[in-house]
């Protein structure tokens, strides 16, 4: 009978801290299908001092 050796790949501290370090921010935006807010947003001030950023055209995606 053959013995099977299973090697577990341990995650380093860098992998745990930033699992997306091999993927650029732009690639993550494309993969998520994010709305492009550049020249496509309206800033709405809320009563509690916060602001809300709303897209004008939600069909305009990051390309």
C-alpha atoms as a PDB file:
ATOM      1  CA  UNK A   1       0.000   0.000   0.000  1.00  0.00           C
ATOM      2  CA  UNK A   2       1.334   3.420  -0.968  1.00  0.00           C
ATOM      3  CA  UNK A   3       1.513   6.199   1.531  1.00  0.00           C
ATOM      4  CA  UNK A   4       0.153   9.491   0.339  1.00  0.00           C
ATOM      5  CA  UNK A   5       1.880  12.595   1.540  1.00  0.00           C
ATOM      6  CA  UNK A   6      -0.291  15.667   1.579  1.00  0.00           C
ATOM      7  CA  UNK A   7       1.529  18.948   1.769  1.00  0.00           C
ATOM      8  CA  UNK A   8      -0.420  21.823   3.248  1.00  0.00           C
ATOM      9  CA  UNK A   9       0.493  25.219   1.924  1.00  0.00           C
ATOM     10  CA  UNK A  10       0.704  27.528   4.877  1.00  0.00           C
ATOM     11  CA  UNK A  11      -0.380  31.080   4.289  1.00  0.00           C
ATOM     12  CA  UNK A  12       2.241  33.666   5.068  1.00  0.00           C
ATOM     13  CA  UNK A  13       1.551  36.826   7.048  1.00  0.00           C
ATOM     14  CA  UNK A  14       1.633  38.781   3.780  1.00  0.00           C
ATOM     15  CA  UNK A  15      -1.037  36.547   2.220  1.00  0.00           C
ATOM     16  CA  UNK A  16      -3.243  36.906   5.271  1.00  0.00           C
ATOM     17  CA  UNK A  17      -2.779  40.679   5.401  1.00  0.00           C
ATOM     18  CA  UNK A  18      -3.421  41.317   1.685  1.00  0.00           C
ATOM     19  CA  UNK A  19      -4.857  38.347  -0.246  1.00  0.00           C
ATOM     20  CA  UNK A  20      -5.212  40.488  -3.407  1.00  0.00           C
ATOM     21  CA  UNK A  21      -1.601  41.654  -3.620  1.00  0.00           C
ATOM     22  CA  UNK A  22      -1.086  39.890  -6.954  1.00  0.00           C
ATOM     23  CA  UNK A  23      -4.087  41.660  -8.513  1.00  0.00           C
ATOM     24  CA  UNK A  24      -4.055  45.397  -9.208  1.00  0.00           C
ATOM     25  CA  UNK A  25      -6.761  47.716  -7.880  1.00  0.00           C
ATOM     26  CA  UNK A  26      -7.964  48.388 -11.435  1.00  0.00           C
ATOM     27  CA  UNK A  27      -8.346  44.638 -12.121  1.00  0.00           C
ATOM     28  CA  UNK A  28     -10.395  44.260  -8.934  1.00  0.00           C
ATOM     29  CA  UNK A  29     -12.696  47.108 -10.038  1.00  0.00           C
ATOM     30  CA  UNK A  30     -13.212  45.446 -13.430  1.00  0.00           C
ATOM     31  CA  UNK A  31     -13.910  42.055 -11.877  1.00  0.00           C
ATOM     32  CA  UNK A  32     -16.459  43.529  -9.451  1.00  0.00           C
ATOM     33  CA  UNK A  33     -18.294  45.452 -12.197  1.00  0.00           C
ATOM     34  CA  UNK A  34     -17.918  48.765 -10.367  1.00  0.00           C
ATOM     35  CA  UNK A  35     -19.629  51.986 -11.419  1.00  0.00           C
ATOM     36  CA  UNK A  36     -17.256  54.660 -12.729  1.00  0.00           C
ATOM     37  CA  UNK A  37     -17.768  57.731 -10.517  1.00  0.00           C
ATOM     38  CA  UNK A  38     -15.307  59.961 -12.358  1.00  0.00           C
ATOM     39  CA  UNK A  39     -17.386  62.937 -13.620  1.00  0.00           C
ATOM     40  CA  UNK A  40     -20.452  60.799 -12.891  1.00  0.00           C
ATOM     41  CA  UNK A  41     -21.525  61.558  -9.320  1.00  0.00           C
ATOM     42  CA  UNK A  42     -23.649  63.821  -7.156  1.00  0.00           C
ATOM     43  CA  UNK A  43     -22.681  64.591  -3.551  1.00  0.00           C
ATOM     44  CA  UNK A  44     -25.631  64.672  -1.159  1.00  0.00           C
ATOM     45  CA  UNK A  45     -25.127  66.121   2.335  1.00  0.00           C
ATOM     46  CA  UNK A  46     -26.996  64.283   5.062  1.00  0.00           C
ATOM     47  CA  UNK A  47     -28.358  65.832   8.259  1.00  0.00           C
ATOM     48  CA  UNK A  48     -25.917  64.050  10.564  1.00  0.00           C
ATOM     49  CA  UNK A  49     -22.803  65.566   8.973  1.00  0.00           C
ATOM     50  CA  UNK A  50     -22.066  62.678   6.624  1.00  0.00           C
ATOM     51  CA  UNK A  51     -22.188  62.784   2.837  1.00  0.00           C
ATOM     52  CA  UNK A  52     -23.618  60.332   0.327  1.00  0.00           C
ATOM     53  CA  UNK A  53     -22.140  59.946  -3.149  1.00  0.00           C
ATOM     54  CA  UNK A  54     -24.668  58.841  -5.775  1.00  0.00           C
ATOM     55  CA  UNK A  55     -23.877  57.941  -9.387  1.00  0.00           C
ATOM     56  CA  UNK A  56     -25.698  59.893 -12.093  1.00  0.00           C
ATOM     57  CA  UNK A  57     -25.597  57.085 -14.667  1.00  0.00           C
ATOM     58  CA  UNK A  58     -25.403  53.615 -13.075  1.00  0.00           C
ATOM     59  CA  UNK A  59     -24.827  51.910 -16.428  1.00  0.00           C
ATOM     60  CA  UNK A  60     -21.426  53.608 -16.830  1.00  0.00           C
ATOM     61  CA  UNK A  61     -18.990  50.941 -15.606  1.00  0.00           C
ATOM     62  CA  UNK A  62     -15.219  50.980 -15.148  1.00  0.00           C
ATOM     63  CA  UNK A  63     -13.575  50.054 -18.464  1.00  0.00           C
END
